[in-house]
Amino acid sequence: AGPVGALAVFPSGDLIAVRTQDGASIVWDLRFGVAVRSFPSYWASATTTGFIRVPMGVEVFSSGDRLLTWGRGPTVTIWGMSSDTHICSLNWTWGAIVQAEVSSRGDRVVTNSQSGRAVIWSATCAMVREIAELGAIAHFAMLRGGELLATLSRYAGLAVWSGITGEKLFEKGLRYWFHPGPLVLTASPCGCYLGVNYGDVGEVWNMSGPTFSRNISLASLPRGTRGLVMSSGADIVAGCLGDEHVVVWDASTGVELDRFDSGAPCVAAIGPGGVMTGFGRGR
């Protein structure tokens, strides 16, 4: 089916969903090493739309009964696991979708497109609210079950918005806004901690209270680190270094705990069983 482009772990830890570079979405049973579900590709031809460089992804709802898939087009699709059914699609007209996430409660979906607009949708594919600032949102993460939405852009920096009213609650400029490296936000599964990755700087923020504070800074992450993921307790942070290596850090001290080959392209996720890569290798 082609190289793995995205990976998500089911809440049970027994299943993983992979999105391959050719557009297929496959669910694998880790206990037996067999594919148990396969979902078709819903996208326009990359040769005719110019979306060939747009990332793809897959997310698992916290209930474990639905999948969210997207890639190389303006459509995000929600699938039912029980009968492989197509539940609904989110169709966005302002450029290809580059990121999509499901809230921890499963009642909200947020998408970001090439236009830089973050849009909040209901789980029934109805638009709830649009959040856009300077048309330059590079990445976002949902927090506290969709109550908060964090956004990151090269010029506007880090901002936190109310997912209910759309009001901006917090903002912070980036220390190295001019750095050509990646901009990535990652929320812990509880939605209480936020991982911020810009350039070669990595930070972990405590978002559980009425005010937001930076817990630690992962000092001088190697240049090229991307795709940060966090454990459920926000005690472990993992990320891809280049195309073939996964690095694991202690989130409270920034100390490197492990480093291993993942194969290219590098994809990492953290589930109940530890860190998993797109090649099925892990710790």
C-alpha atoms as a PDB file:
ATOM      1  CA  ALA A   1       0.000   0.000   0.000  1.00  0.00           C
ATOM      2  CA  GLY A   2       3.034   2.282   0.016  1.00  0.00           C
ATOM      3  CA  PRO A   3       5.105   3.990   2.748  1.00  0.00           C
ATOM      4  CA  VAL A   4       3.329   5.073   5.942  1.00  0.00           C
ATOM      5  CA  GLY A   5       2.460   8.777   5.952  1.00  0.00           C
ATOM      6  CA  ALA A   6       0.639   8.985   9.309  1.00  0.00           C
ATOM      7  CA  LEU A   7      -0.018   6.780  12.324  1.00  0.00           C
ATOM      8  CA  ALA A   8      -2.521   6.800  15.213  1.00  0.00           C
ATOM      9  CA  VAL A   9      -2.906   4.430  18.179  1.00  0.00           C
ATOM     10  CA  PHE A  10      -6.349   3.326  19.378  1.00  0.00           C
ATOM     11  CA  PRO A  11      -7.226   3.935  23.069  1.00  0.00           C
ATOM     12  CA  SER A  12      -7.093   0.183  23.767  1.00  0.00           C
ATOM     13  CA  GLY A  13      -3.501  -0.016  22.550  1.00  0.00           C
ATOM     14  CA  ASP A  14      -4.311  -3.169  20.550  1.00  0.00           C
ATOM     15  CA  LEU A  15      -4.972  -1.444  17.223  1.00  0.00           C
ATOM     16  CA  ILE A  16      -3.192   1.142  15.106  1.00  0.00           C
ATOM     17  CA  ALA A  17      -4.480   3.114  12.132  1.00  0.00           C
ATOM     18  CA  VAL A  18      -2.053   3.980   9.354  1.00  0.00           C
ATOM     19  CA  ARG A  19      -2.446   6.324   6.403  1.00  0.00           C
ATOM     20  CA  THR A  20      -0.221   5.304   3.505  1.00  0.00           C
ATOM     21  CA  GLN A  21       1.300   7.617   0.919  1.00  0.00           C
ATOM     22  CA  ASP A  22      -1.029   6.257  -1.786  1.00  0.00           C
ATOM     23  CA  GLY A  23      -4.097   7.332   0.229  1.00  0.00           C
ATOM     24  CA  ALA A  24      -5.223   4.059   1.823  1.00  0.00           C
ATOM     25  CA  SER A  25      -6.275   3.982   5.497  1.00  0.00           C
ATOM     26  CA  ILE A  26      -5.687   0.607   7.163  1.00  0.00           C
ATOM     27  CA  VAL A  27      -6.343  -0.566  10.738  1.00  0.00           C
ATOM     28  CA  TRP A  28      -3.948  -3.220  12.046  1.00  0.00           C
ATOM     29  CA  ASP A  29      -4.348  -5.557  15.035  1.00  0.00           C
ATOM     30  CA  LEU A  30      -0.984  -5.467  16.845  1.00  0.00           C
ATOM     31  CA  ARG A  31      -1.669  -8.721  18.677  1.00  0.00           C
ATOM     32  CA  PHE A  32      -1.842 -10.778  15.498  1.00  0.00           C
ATOM     33  CA  GLY A  33      -0.159  -8.511  12.930  1.00  0.00           C
ATOM     34  CA  VAL A  34      -3.131  -8.547  10.562  1.00  0.00           C
ATOM     35  CA  ALA A  35      -5.164  -5.812   8.861  1.00  0.00           C
ATOM     36  CA  VAL A  36      -8.738  -5.755  10.213  1.00  0.00           C
ATOM     37  CA  ARG A  37     -10.183  -2.713   8.396  1.00  0.00           C
ATOM     38  CA  SER A  38      -9.467  -0.820   5.186  1.00  0.00           C
ATOM     39  CA  PHE A  39     -10.989   2.468   4.063  1.00  0.00           C
ATOM     40  CA  PRO A  40     -10.877   3.924   0.537  1.00  0.00           C
ATOM     41  CA  SER A  41      -9.115   7.113  -0.452  1.00  0.00           C
ATOM     42  CA  TYR A  42     -11.266  10.261  -0.716  1.00  0.00           C
ATOM     43  CA  TRP A  43      -9.130  12.839  -2.481  1.00  0.00           C
ATOM     44  CA  ALA A  44      -8.691  14.533  -5.823  1.00  0.00           C
ATOM     45  CA  SER A  45      -5.854  13.549  -8.106  1.00  0.00           C
ATOM     46  CA  ALA A  46      -2.581  15.113  -6.961  1.00  0.00           C
ATOM     47  CA  THR A  47      -1.516  15.571 -10.585  1.00  0.00           C
ATOM     48  CA  THR A  48      -4.505  17.779 -11.349  1.00  0.00           C
ATOM     49  CA  THR A  49      -4.865  19.692  -8.074  1.00  0.00           C
ATOM     50  CA  GLY A  50      -1.247  20.456  -7.197  1.00  0.00           C
ATOM     51  CA  PHE A  51      -1.693  19.035  -3.667  1.00  0.00           C
ATOM     52  CA  ILE A  52       1.200  16.596  -3.964  1.00  0.00           C
ATOM     53  CA  ARG A  53       3.219  18.250  -1.154  1.00  0.00           C
ATOM     54  CA  VAL A  54       0.286  18.542   1.261  1.00  0.00           C
ATOM     55  CA  PRO A  55       0.569  16.215   4.290  1.00  0.00           C
ATOM     56  CA  MET A  56      -1.955  13.502   5.075  1.00  0.00           C
ATOM     57  CA  GLY A  57      -3.186  12.160   8.370  1.00  0.00           C
ATOM     58  CA  VAL A  58      -5.400   9.891  10.421  1.00  0.00           C
ATOM     59  CA  GLU A  59      -6.917  10.439  13.877  1.00  0.00           C
ATOM     60  CA  VAL A  60      -8.821   8.037  16.158  1.00  0.00           C
ATOM     61  CA  PHE A  61     -11.812   9.242  18.189  1.00  0.00           C
ATOM     62  CA  SER A  62     -11.440   8.690  21.944  1.00  0.00           C
ATOM     63  CA  SER A  63     -14.351   6.234  21.834  1.00  0.00           C
ATOM     64  CA  GLY A  64     -12.368   4.089  19.393  1.00  0.00           C
ATOM     65  CA  ASP A  65     -15.393   3.639  17.132  1.00  0.00           C
ATOM     66  CA  ARG A  66     -14.589   6.275  14.486  1.00  0.00           C
ATOM     67  CA  LEU A  67     -11.679   7.422  12.340  1.00  0.00           C
ATOM     68  CA  LEU A  68     -10.844  10.813  10.836  1.00  0.00           C
ATOM     69  CA  THR A  69      -8.790  10.823   7.611  1.00  0.00           C
ATOM     70  CA  TRP A  70      -7.512  13.531   5.275  1.00  0.00           C
ATOM     71  CA  GLY A  71      -4.833  14.109   2.693  1.00  0.00           C
ATOM     72  CA  ARG A  72      -3.949  16.072  -0.447  1.00  0.00           C
ATOM     73  CA  GLY A  73      -7.312  17.722  -0.856  1.00  0.00           C
ATOM     74  CA  PRO A  74      -9.998  19.914   0.762  1.00  0.00           C
ATOM     75  CA  THR A  75     -11.945  17.015   2.330  1.00  0.00           C
ATOM     76  CA  VAL A  76     -11.818  15.447   5.806  1.00  0.00           C
ATOM     77  CA  THR A  77     -13.759  12.199   6.179  1.00  0.00           C
ATOM     78  CA  ILE A  78     -15.213  10.540   9.289  1.00  0.00           C
ATOM     79  CA  TRP A  79     -15.562   6.746   9.144  1.00  0.00           C
ATOM     80  CA  GLY A  80     -17.381   4.284  11.403  1.00  0.00           C
ATOM     81  CA  MET A  81     -15.286   1.343  12.602  1.00  0.00           C
ATOM     82  CA  SER A  82     -18.133  -1.122  13.215  1.00  0.00           C
ATOM     83  CA  SER A  83     -19.242  -1.467   9.606  1.00  0.00           C
ATOM     84  CA  ASP A  84     -16.609   0.513   7.628  1.00  0.00           C
ATOM     85  CA  THR A  85     -19.268   3.150   6.921  1.00  0.00           C
ATOM     86  CA  HIS A  86     -18.711   6.662   5.610  1.00  0.00           C
ATOM     87  CA  ILE A  87     -20.383   8.859   8.254  1.00  0.00           C
ATOM     88  CA  CYS A  88     -19.796  12.328   6.805  1.00  0.00           C
ATOM     89  CA  SER A  89     -17.254  14.597   5.128  1.00  0.00           C
ATOM     90  CA  LEU A  90     -16.038  18.107   5.937  1.00  0.00           C
ATOM     91  CA  ASN A  91     -15.543  19.995   2.687  1.00  0.00           C
ATOM     92  CA  TRP A  92     -13.405  23.143   2.801  1.00  0.00           C
ATOM     93  CA  THR A  93     -13.085  25.382  -0.229  1.00  0.00           C
ATOM     94  CA  TRP A  94     -10.066  27.500   0.809  1.00  0.00           C
ATOM     95  CA  GLY A  95      -7.187  25.213  -0.154  1.00  0.00           C
ATOM     96  CA  ALA A  96      -6.141  21.709   0.843  1.00  0.00           C
ATOM     97  CA  ILE A  97      -6.420  20.514   4.447  1.00  0.00           C
ATOM     98  CA  VAL A  98      -2.986  20.361   6.084  1.00  0.00           C
ATOM     99  CA  GLN A  99      -3.993  19.355   9.635  1.00  0.00           C
ATOM    100  CA  ALA A 100      -7.047  17.932  11.431  1.00  0.00           C
ATOM    101  CA  GLU A 101      -7.641  16.891  15.044  1.00  0.00           C
ATOM    102  CA  VAL A 102     -10.445  15.414  17.128  1.00  0.00           C
ATOM    103  CA  SER A 103     -11.196  16.729  20.640  1.00  0.00           C
ATOM    104  CA  SER A 104     -10.681  14.333  23.550  1.00  0.00           C
ATOM    105  CA  ARG A 105     -14.468  14.219  24.058  1.00  0.00           C
ATOM    106  CA  GLY A 106     -15.032  13.419  20.400  1.00  0.00           C
ATOM    107  CA  ASP A 107     -17.579  16.203  19.881  1.00  0.00           C
ATOM    108  CA  ARG A 108     -15.356  18.636  17.955  1.00  0.00           C
ATOM    109  CA  VAL A 109     -13.061  18.469  14.932  1.00  0.00           C
ATOM    110  CA  VAL A 110     -10.639  21.267  14.045  1.00  0.00           C
ATOM    111  CA  THR A 111      -9.064  21.634  10.602  1.00  0.00           C
ATOM    112  CA  ASN A 112      -6.372  23.889   9.180  1.00  0.00           C
ATOM    113  CA  SER A 113      -5.987  24.508   5.445  1.00  0.00           C
ATOM    114  CA  GLN A 114      -3.410  26.017   3.096  1.00  0.00           C
ATOM    115  CA  SER A 115      -5.241  29.332   3.571  1.00  0.00           C
ATOM    116  CA  GLY A 116      -4.145  29.444   7.227  1.00  0.00           C
ATOM    117  CA  ARG A 117      -7.716  29.327   8.546  1.00  0.00           C
ATOM    118  CA  ALA A 118      -8.530  27.092  11.536  1.00  0.00           C
ATOM    119  CA  VAL A 119     -12.141  25.909  11.496  1.00  0.00           C
ATOM    120  CA  ILE A 120     -14.029  24.181  14.329  1.00  0.00           C
ATOM    121  CA  TRP A 121     -16.640  21.607  13.260  1.00  0.00           C
ATOM    122  CA  SER A 122     -19.137  19.473  15.140  1.00  0.00           C
ATOM    123  CA  ALA A 123     -18.817  15.677  14.999  1.00  0.00           C
ATOM    124  CA  THR A 124     -21.752  15.731  12.547  1.00  0.00           C
ATOM    125  CA  CYS A 125     -19.694  17.823  10.074  1.00  0.00           C
ATOM    126  CA  ALA A 126     -21.440  21.149  10.707  1.00  0.00           C
ATOM    127  CA  MET A 127     -19.230  24.268  10.877  1.00  0.00           C
ATOM    128  CA  VAL A 128     -19.189  25.808  14.373  1.00  0.00           C
ATOM    129  CA  ARG A 129     -16.607  28.616  14.143  1.00  0.00           C
ATOM    130  CA  GLU A 130     -13.702  29.921  12.087  1.00  0.00           C
ATOM    131  CA  ILE A 131     -10.552  31.290  13.697  1.00  0.00           C
ATOM    132  CA  ALA A 132      -8.038  33.131  11.535  1.00  0.00           C
ATOM    133  CA  GLU A 133      -5.309  35.603  12.367  1.00  0.00           C
ATOM    134  CA  LEU A 134      -3.181  37.122   9.620  1.00  0.00           C
ATOM    135  CA  GLY A 135      -4.167  34.139   7.495  1.00  0.00           C
ATOM    136  CA  ALA A 136      -0.962  32.467   8.699  1.00  0.00           C
ATOM    137  CA  ILE A 137      -1.815  29.727  11.217  1.00  0.00           C
ATOM    138  CA  ALA A 138       0.901  27.102  10.762  1.00  0.00           C
ATOM    139  CA  HIS A 139      -0.269  24.578  13.357  1.00  0.00           C
ATOM    140  CA  PHE A 140      -2.876  24.128  16.094  1.00  0.00           C
ATOM    141  CA  ALA A 141      -3.765  21.840  18.987  1.00  0.00           C
ATOM    142  CA  MET A 142      -6.985  21.333  20.939  1.00  0.00           C
ATOM    143  CA  LEU A 143      -6.882  21.431  24.734  1.00  0.00           C
ATOM    144  CA  ARG A 144      -9.213  20.466  27.577  1.00  0.00           C
ATOM    145  CA  GLY A 145     -11.654  18.578  25.387  1.00  0.00           C
ATOM    146  CA  GLY A 146     -11.965  21.341  22.799  1.00  0.00           C
ATOM    147  CA  GLU A 147     -12.556  24.085  25.371  1.00  0.00           C
ATOM    148  CA  LEU A 148      -9.321  25.741  24.206  1.00  0.00           C
ATOM    149  CA  LEU A 149      -7.578  25.960  20.841  1.00  0.00           C
ATOM    150  CA  ALA A 150      -3.864  26.797  20.666  1.00  0.00           C
ATOM    151  CA  THR A 151      -2.462  28.159  17.395  1.00  0.00           C
ATOM    152  CA  LEU A 152       1.096  28.786  16.268  1.00  0.00           C
ATOM    153  CA  SER A 153       2.273  30.988  13.406  1.00  0.00           C
ATOM    154  CA  ARG A 154       5.647  32.363  12.430  1.00  0.00           C
ATOM    155  CA  TYR A 155       4.680  36.031  12.787  1.00  0.00           C
ATOM    156  CA  ALA A 156       1.852  36.009  15.344  1.00  0.00           C
ATOM    157  CA  GLY A 157       3.532  33.476  17.637  1.00  0.00           C
ATOM    158  CA  LEU A 158       1.675  31.255  20.108  1.00  0.00           C
ATOM    159  CA  ALA A 159      -1.980  32.098  20.874  1.00  0.00           C
ATOM    160  CA  VAL A 160      -4.711  30.372  22.894  1.00  0.00           C
ATOM    161  CA  TRP A 161      -8.369  30.845  21.954  1.00  0.00           C
ATOM    162  CA  SER A 162     -11.674  29.903  23.515  1.00  0.00           C
ATOM    163  CA  GLY A 163     -13.114  27.045  21.492  1.00  0.00           C
ATOM    164  CA  ILE A 164     -16.570  28.175  22.620  1.00  0.00           C
ATOM    165  CA  THR A 165     -16.559  31.933  21.928  1.00  0.00           C
ATOM    166  CA  GLY A 166     -13.514  32.348  19.660  1.00  0.00           C
ATOM    167  CA  GLU A 167     -12.018  34.945  22.040  1.00  0.00           C
ATOM    168  CA  LYS A 168      -8.230  35.183  22.259  1.00  0.00           C
ATOM    169  CA  LEU A 169      -7.147  34.367  25.841  1.00  0.00           C
ATOM    170  CA  PHE A 170      -3.345  34.359  25.625  1.00  0.00           C
ATOM    171  CA  GLU A 171      -0.529  35.206  23.236  1.00  0.00           C
ATOM    172  CA  LYS A 172       3.250  34.968  23.245  1.00  0.00           C
ATOM    173  CA  GLY A 173       5.744  35.957  20.568  1.00  0.00           C
ATOM    174  CA  LEU A 174       8.334  33.456  19.425  1.00  0.00           C
ATOM    175  CA  ARG A 175      11.903  33.971  20.474  1.00  0.00           C
ATOM    176  CA  TYR A 176      13.180  32.860  17.077  1.00  0.00           C
ATOM    177  CA  TRP A 177      10.281  33.683  14.771  1.00  0.00           C
ATOM    178  CA  PHE A 178      12.679  33.951  11.806  1.00  0.00           C
ATOM    179  CA  HIS A 179      13.990  30.383  12.213  1.00  0.00           C
ATOM    180  CA  PRO A 180      13.293  28.309   9.098  1.00  0.00           C
ATOM    181  CA  GLY A 181      12.566  25.155  11.101  1.00  0.00           C
ATOM    182  CA  PRO A 182       9.139  23.551  11.638  1.00  0.00           C
ATOM    183  CA  LEU A 183       6.325  24.962  13.779  1.00  0.00           C
ATOM    184  CA  VAL A 184       4.428  22.213  15.626  1.00  0.00           C
ATOM    185  CA  LEU A 185       1.957  22.129  18.524  1.00  0.00           C
ATOM    186  CA  THR A 186       1.085  18.885  20.313  1.00  0.00           C
ATOM    187  CA  ALA A 187      -1.449  18.423  23.119  1.00  0.00           C
ATOM    188  CA  SER A 188      -1.171  15.591  25.639  1.00  0.00           C
ATOM    189  CA  PRO A 189      -4.093  13.125  25.548  1.00  0.00           C
ATOM    190  CA  CYS A 190      -5.608  14.731  28.664  1.00  0.00           C
ATOM    191  CA  GLY A 191      -5.462  18.138  26.966  1.00  0.00           C
ATOM    192  CA  CYS A 192      -3.719  19.585  30.025  1.00  0.00           C
ATOM    193  CA  TYR A 193      -0.231  20.015  28.563  1.00  0.00           C
ATOM    194  CA  LEU A 194       0.950  21.603  25.338  1.00  0.00           C
ATOM    195  CA  GLY A 195       4.161  20.782  23.486  1.00  0.00           C
ATOM    196  CA  VAL A 196       5.516  23.703  21.433  1.00  0.00           C
ATOM    197  CA  ASN A 197       8.139  23.075  18.757  1.00  0.00           C
ATOM    198  CA  TYR A 198       9.544  26.007  16.744  1.00  0.00           C
ATOM    199  CA  GLY A 199      12.862  25.847  14.990  1.00  0.00           C
ATOM    200  CA  ASP A 200      15.180  23.888  17.273  1.00  0.00           C
ATOM    201  CA  VAL A 201      13.354  24.938  20.474  1.00  0.00           C
ATOM    202  CA  GLY A 202      10.964  22.615  22.319  1.00  0.00           C
ATOM    203  CA  GLU A 203       8.790  23.624  25.281  1.00  0.00           C
ATOM    204  CA  VAL A 204       6.118  21.985  27.439  1.00  0.00           C
ATOM    205  CA  TRP A 205       3.336  24.204  28.842  1.00  0.00           C
ATOM    206  CA  ASN A 206       0.898  23.461  31.683  1.00  0.00           C
ATOM    207  CA  MET A 207      -2.564  24.416  30.403  1.00  0.00           C
ATOM    208  CA  SER A 208      -4.696  22.918  33.173  1.00  0.00           C
ATOM    209  CA  GLY A 209      -5.354  26.087  35.201  1.00  0.00           C
ATOM    210  CA  PRO A 210      -6.882  29.506  34.519  1.00  0.00           C
ATOM    211  CA  THR A 211      -3.400  30.806  33.642  1.00  0.00           C
ATOM    212  CA  PHE A 212      -0.858  29.081  31.412  1.00  0.00           C
ATOM    213  CA  SER A 213       2.758  28.485  32.404  1.00  0.00           C
ATOM    214  CA  ARG A 214       5.813  26.973  30.763  1.00  0.00           C
ATOM    215  CA  ASN A 215       6.890  23.839  32.619  1.00  0.00           C
ATOM    216  CA  ILE A 216      10.226  23.136  30.999  1.00  0.00           C
ATOM    217  CA  SER A 217      12.184  23.874  27.896  1.00  0.00           C
ATOM    218  CA  LEU A 218      13.712  21.023  25.961  1.00  0.00           C
ATOM    219  CA  ALA A 219      16.975  22.875  25.487  1.00  0.00           C
ATOM    220  CA  SER A 220      18.278  23.014  21.940  1.00  0.00           C
ATOM    221  CA  LEU A 221      16.417  20.216  20.229  1.00  0.00           C
ATOM    222  CA  PRO A 222      18.499  19.041  17.270  1.00  0.00           C
ATOM    223  CA  ARG A 223      17.764  21.094  14.170  1.00  0.00           C
ATOM    224  CA  GLY A 224      15.228  19.306  12.023  1.00  0.00           C
ATOM    225  CA  THR A 225      13.263  17.803  14.946  1.00  0.00           C
ATOM    226  CA  ARG A 226       9.567  17.589  14.052  1.00  0.00           C
ATOM    227  CA  GLY A 227       6.353  15.733  14.782  1.00  0.00           C
ATOM    228  CA  LEU A 228       6.435  15.992  18.595  1.00  0.00           C
ATOM    229  CA  VAL A 229       4.065  13.612  20.418  1.00  0.00           C
ATOM    230  CA  MET A 230       3.358  13.403  24.170  1.00  0.00           C
ATOM    231  CA  SER A 231       2.428  10.580  26.535  1.00  0.00           C
ATOM    232  CA  SER A 232      -0.879  10.605  28.427  1.00  0.00           C
ATOM    233  CA  GLY A 233       0.796  11.897  31.585  1.00  0.00           C
ATOM    234  CA  ALA A 234       2.927  14.399  29.633  1.00  0.00           C
ATOM    235  CA  ASP A 235       6.052  12.859  31.188  1.00  0.00           C
ATOM    236  CA  ILE A 236       7.516  11.636  27.905  1.00  0.00           C
ATOM    237  CA  VAL A 237       8.006  13.579  24.656  1.00  0.00           C
ATOM    238  CA  ALA A 238       9.046  11.927  21.391  1.00  0.00           C
ATOM    239  CA  GLY A 239       9.849  13.427  18.020  1.00  0.00           C
ATOM    240  CA  CYS A 240      11.337  12.654  14.625  1.00  0.00           C
ATOM    241  CA  LEU A 241      14.899  13.701  13.903  1.00  0.00           C
ATOM    242  CA  GLY A 242      15.343  13.886  10.161  1.00  0.00           C
ATOM    243  CA  ASP A 243      13.678  11.142   8.186  1.00  0.00           C
ATOM    244  CA  GLU A 244      14.813   7.989   9.936  1.00  0.00           C
ATOM    245  CA  HIS A 245      15.248   8.492  13.691  1.00  0.00           C
ATOM    246  CA  VAL A 246      12.888   8.818  16.681  1.00  0.00           C
ATOM    247  CA  VAL A 247      14.192  10.515  19.838  1.00  0.00           C
ATOM    248  CA  VAL A 248      12.527  10.242  23.273  1.00  0.00           C
ATOM    249  CA  TRP A 249      12.968  12.857  26.019  1.00  0.00           C
ATOM    250  CA  ASP A 250      11.968  13.179  29.680  1.00  0.00           C
ATOM    251  CA  ALA A 251       9.458  16.055  29.565  1.00  0.00           C
ATOM    252  CA  SER A 252      10.305  17.295  33.076  1.00  0.00           C
ATOM    253  CA  THR A 253      14.080  17.552  32.591  1.00  0.00           C
ATOM    254  CA  GLY A 254      14.643  17.566  28.830  1.00  0.00           C
ATOM    255  CA  VAL A 255      17.089  14.633  29.165  1.00  0.00           C
ATOM    256  CA  GLU A 256      17.257  12.311  26.158  1.00  0.00           C
ATOM    257  CA  LEU A 257      16.061   8.834  27.160  1.00  0.00           C
ATOM    258  CA  ASP A 258      16.291   6.863  23.944  1.00  0.00           C
ATOM    259  CA  ARG A 259      16.986   7.103  20.237  1.00  0.00           C
ATOM    260  CA  PHE A 260      16.224   4.490  17.599  1.00  0.00           C
ATOM    261  CA  ASP A 261      15.824   4.045  13.870  1.00  0.00           C
ATOM    262  CA  SER A 262      12.288   4.312  12.530  1.00  0.00           C
ATOM    263  CA  GLY A 263      12.806   3.958   8.798  1.00  0.00           C
ATOM    264  CA  ALA A 264      11.822   6.641   6.308  1.00  0.00           C
ATOM    265  CA  PRO A 265       9.571   8.565   6.362  1.00  0.00           C
ATOM    266  CA  CYS A 266       9.718   9.010  10.132  1.00  0.00           C
ATOM    267  CA  VAL A 267       6.306   8.743  11.849  1.00  0.00           C
ATOM    268  CA  ALA A 268       5.854   8.384  15.617  1.00  0.00           C
ATOM    269  CA  ALA A 269       2.953   7.953  18.056  1.00  0.00           C
ATOM    270  CA  ILE A 270       2.668   7.200  21.774  1.00  0.00           C
ATOM    271  CA  GLY A 271       0.082   4.702  23.010  1.00  0.00           C
ATOM    272  CA  PRO A 272      -0.454   2.640  26.182  1.00  0.00           C
ATOM    273  CA  GLY A 273       2.358   0.313  25.104  1.00  0.00           C
ATOM    274  CA  GLY A 274       4.967   3.033  24.545  1.00  0.00           C
ATOM    275  CA  VAL A 275       6.405   4.775  21.490  1.00  0.00           C
ATOM    276  CA  MET A 276       5.453   3.312  18.093  1.00  0.00           C
ATOM    277  CA  THR A 277       6.877   4.193  14.682  1.00  0.00           C
ATOM    278  CA  GLY A 278       5.426   3.937  11.208  1.00  0.00           C
ATOM    279  CA  PHE A 279       7.515   0.807  10.610  1.00  0.00           C
ATOM    280  CA  GLY A 280       6.051  -0.973  13.639  1.00  0.00           C
ATOM    281  CA  ARG A 281       9.222  -0.548  15.660  1.00  0.00           C
ATOM    282  CA  GLY A 282       9.017   0.901  19.134  1.00  0.00           C
ATOM    283  CA  ARG A 283      10.086   1.094  22.778  1.00  0.00           C
END
